[in-house]
Amino acid sequence: PRSRRSLTVVEARGGGSVDAVDRLVAAVSYLLPLFDGIQYGRYLFMQFPVLEQALEPLFPLLRAYKSFPYASFVAFFVLYLTVVRNQSFSRYVRFNAMQAVVLDVLTIVPNLVERTFGPARGLGYSLLVSFYNTVFLFLVACFAYGVISCVLGRTPRLPFVADAADAQI
């Protein structure tokens, strides 16, 4: 017979348990790549204003984040140095924070593509819009999957990201 677990402890993958604070810290770390990549949704927001309205509850946090110069740079290093490299946090928290960091690094790629090719119209512009839309939808899906998994105490394994995060932890 299994003993009854408290509401703040959920069984994690591998038989361990994840307390509520660890789940919260892990979930909050996924805000970094979402906030740094939200500009890639601008074309989708113009086409589908309801999508922008769905993200509206995050806008006060986003405005505060974007109001500080170099916030992205500082948040990246704070997350990496104070969470990922801090052995006092559980592996669960460090892994999720590292996934968020790797995902945040990947948000640089679309900007580099735009700066390199800089299409203003025609087929190149259409491809850029499609690329931005794909990147944004991928970021939102990763954010939703990561946050929901963390809240439930499960370990999310994001595509293109999880193996890199595992190698760093």
Protein backbone atom coordinates (compact mmCIF):
# COMPACT_ATOMS: atom_id res chain seq x y z
CA PRO A 1 0.00 0.00 0.00
CA ARG A 2 1.26 3.44 -0.96
CA SER A 3 1.32 6.20 1.57
CA ARG A 4 -0.66 9.30 0.78
CA ARG A 5 1.38 12.20 -0.65
CA SER A 6 0.86 15.83 0.22
CA LEU A 7 -0.44 18.20 -2.43
CA THR A 8 2.90 19.98 -2.71
CA VAL A 9 4.85 16.88 -3.74
CA VAL A 10 4.39 15.22 -7.09
CA GLU A 11 6.18 12.14 -8.32
CA ALA A 12 8.76 13.04 -10.93
CA ARG A 13 10.31 10.94 -13.64
CA GLY A 14 12.86 8.58 -12.16
CA GLY A 15 10.94 8.06 -8.92
CA GLY A 16 12.00 11.27 -7.17
CA SER A 17 9.67 13.98 -6.04
CA VAL A 18 9.43 17.64 -6.96
CA ASP A 19 8.19 20.13 -4.41
CA ALA A 20 6.07 23.16 -5.25
CA VAL A 21 8.94 25.68 -5.06
CA ASP A 22 11.04 23.66 -7.51
CA ARG A 23 8.09 23.37 -9.88
CA LEU A 24 7.50 27.13 -9.70
CA VAL A 25 11.16 28.08 -10.32
CA ALA A 26 11.36 25.60 -13.21
CA ALA A 27 8.15 26.94 -14.77
CA VAL A 28 9.13 30.60 -14.42
CA SER A 29 12.42 29.97 -16.23
CA TYR A 30 10.47 29.37 -19.47
CA LEU A 31 9.43 33.05 -19.49
CA LEU A 32 12.92 34.06 -20.65
CA PRO A 33 12.79 32.53 -24.15
CA LEU A 34 9.14 33.53 -24.58
CA PHE A 35 9.86 37.16 -23.70
CA ASP A 36 12.97 37.25 -25.90
CA GLY A 37 11.14 35.67 -28.83
CA ILE A 38 7.76 37.36 -28.63
CA GLN A 39 8.74 39.82 -31.39
CA TYR A 40 8.69 36.91 -33.85
CA GLY A 41 4.93 36.75 -33.41
CA ARG A 42 4.31 40.22 -34.84
CA TYR A 43 3.09 38.91 -38.20
CA LEU A 44 0.76 36.41 -36.53
CA PHE A 45 -0.54 39.13 -34.20
CA MET A 46 -1.44 41.25 -37.23
CA GLN A 47 -3.27 38.35 -38.87
CA PHE A 48 -4.85 36.92 -35.72
CA PRO A 49 -5.42 39.57 -33.02
CA VAL A 50 -7.02 36.93 -30.80
CA LEU A 51 -3.58 35.34 -30.40
CA GLU A 52 -2.24 38.60 -28.99
CA GLN A 53 -5.22 38.76 -26.63
CA ALA A 54 -4.44 35.24 -25.39
CA LEU A 55 -0.97 36.41 -24.35
CA GLU A 56 -2.26 39.67 -22.86
CA PRO A 57 -2.02 38.48 -19.21
CA LEU A 58 1.76 38.33 -19.68
CA PHE A 59 2.04 41.88 -21.05
CA PRO A 60 2.59 43.66 -17.70
CA LEU A 61 5.52 41.33 -16.98
CA LEU A 62 6.77 41.74 -20.54
CA ARG A 63 6.59 45.55 -20.32
CA ALA A 64 8.54 45.50 -17.05
CA TYR A 65 11.10 43.13 -18.58
CA LYS A 66 11.53 45.20 -21.74
CA SER A 67 11.71 48.50 -19.80
CA PHE A 68 15.19 47.70 -18.48
CA PRO A 69 18.15 48.14 -20.82
CA TYR A 70 19.98 44.86 -21.38
CA ALA A 71 17.27 42.95 -19.49
CA SER A 72 17.61 39.99 -21.82
CA PHE A 73 21.36 39.82 -21.34
CA VAL A 74 21.12 40.18 -17.57
CA ALA A 75 18.23 37.70 -17.22
CA PHE A 76 20.11 35.15 -19.32
CA PHE A 77 23.20 35.29 -17.12
CA VAL A 78 21.20 35.44 -13.89
CA LEU A 79 19.29 32.32 -14.87
CA TYR A 80 22.41 30.53 -16.03
CA LEU A 81 24.73 31.47 -13.17
CA THR A 82 22.30 31.50 -10.24
CA VAL A 83 20.10 28.55 -11.18
CA VAL A 84 21.74 26.25 -13.74
CA ARG A 85 25.20 26.31 -12.16
CA ASN A 86 23.94 26.37 -8.57
CA GLN A 87 24.20 22.85 -7.14
CA SER A 88 21.86 23.75 -4.28
CA PHE A 89 18.94 23.61 -6.75
CA SER A 90 17.62 20.19 -7.66
CA ARG A 91 18.57 18.62 -10.97
CA TYR A 92 14.95 19.07 -12.03
CA VAL A 93 15.14 22.86 -11.65
CA ARG A 94 18.60 23.09 -13.21
CA PHE A 95 17.57 20.96 -16.20
CA ASN A 96 14.45 23.04 -16.88
CA ALA A 97 16.40 26.28 -16.49
CA MET A 98 19.06 24.97 -18.87
CA GLN A 99 16.40 24.06 -21.43
CA ALA A 100 15.09 27.61 -21.16
CA VAL A 101 18.61 28.99 -21.62
CA VAL A 102 19.26 26.83 -24.70
CA LEU A 103 15.88 27.80 -26.13
CA ASP A 104 16.72 31.45 -25.48
CA VAL A 105 20.00 31.09 -27.37
CA LEU A 106 18.06 29.64 -30.31
CA THR A 107 15.91 32.79 -30.45
CA ILE A 108 18.94 34.60 -31.85
CA VAL A 109 18.86 32.57 -35.09
CA PRO A 110 15.86 34.28 -36.74
CA ASN A 111 17.34 37.70 -36.03
CA LEU A 112 20.62 36.64 -37.62
CA VAL A 113 18.76 35.35 -40.68
CA GLU A 114 16.93 38.65 -41.06
CA ARG A 115 20.09 40.71 -40.64
CA THR A 116 22.01 38.54 -43.07
CA PHE A 117 19.46 38.41 -45.86
CA GLY A 118 17.18 41.35 -44.96
CA PRO A 119 14.45 40.75 -47.53
CA ALA A 120 12.11 43.74 -47.86
CA ARG A 121 9.57 42.25 -50.27
CA GLY A 122 8.85 39.38 -52.62
CA LEU A 123 9.54 35.71 -52.02
CA GLY A 124 12.33 36.40 -49.52
CA TYR A 125 10.00 38.48 -47.38
CA SER A 126 7.29 35.79 -47.53
CA LEU A 127 9.81 33.16 -46.46
CA LEU A 128 10.97 35.38 -43.60
CA VAL A 129 7.38 35.87 -42.40
CA SER A 130 6.79 32.11 -42.53
CA PHE A 131 10.05 31.51 -40.66
CA TYR A 132 9.12 34.03 -37.96
CA ASN A 133 5.66 32.51 -37.59
CA THR A 134 7.14 29.03 -37.25
CA VAL A 135 9.70 30.16 -34.68
CA PHE A 136 7.06 31.98 -32.67
CA LEU A 137 4.65 29.03 -32.68
CA PHE A 138 7.51 26.73 -31.66
CA LEU A 139 8.40 29.05 -28.76
CA VAL A 140 4.79 29.27 -27.58
CA ALA A 141 4.41 25.48 -27.80
CA CYS A 142 7.64 24.97 -25.86
CA PHE A 143 6.56 27.54 -23.28
CA ALA A 144 3.14 25.93 -22.81
CA TYR A 145 4.53 22.40 -22.69
CA GLY A 146 7.35 23.38 -20.33
CA VAL A 147 5.17 25.35 -17.91
CA ILE A 148 2.35 22.78 -17.83
CA SER A 149 4.82 19.93 -17.32
CA CYS A 150 6.59 21.81 -14.54
CA VAL A 151 3.34 22.67 -12.77
CA LEU A 152 2.44 18.98 -12.90
CA GLY A 153 5.89 17.99 -11.63
CA ARG A 154 6.89 16.21 -14.82
CA THR A 155 10.11 16.70 -16.73
CA PRO A 156 9.49 18.22 -20.17
CA ARG A 157 11.89 17.19 -22.92
CA LEU A 158 11.80 19.89 -25.58
CA PRO A 159 12.76 18.96 -29.15
CA PHE A 160 16.17 20.26 -30.30
CA VAL A 161 16.83 21.44 -26.74
CA ALA A 162 16.64 18.59 -24.21
CA ASP A 163 19.79 16.76 -25.31
CA ALA A 164 21.84 19.96 -25.21
CA ALA A 165 20.45 20.76 -21.75
CA ASP A 166 21.23 17.23 -20.53
CA ALA A 167 24.82 17.56 -21.72
CA GLN A 168 25.29 20.77 -19.71
CA ILE A 169 23.84 19.53 -16.42
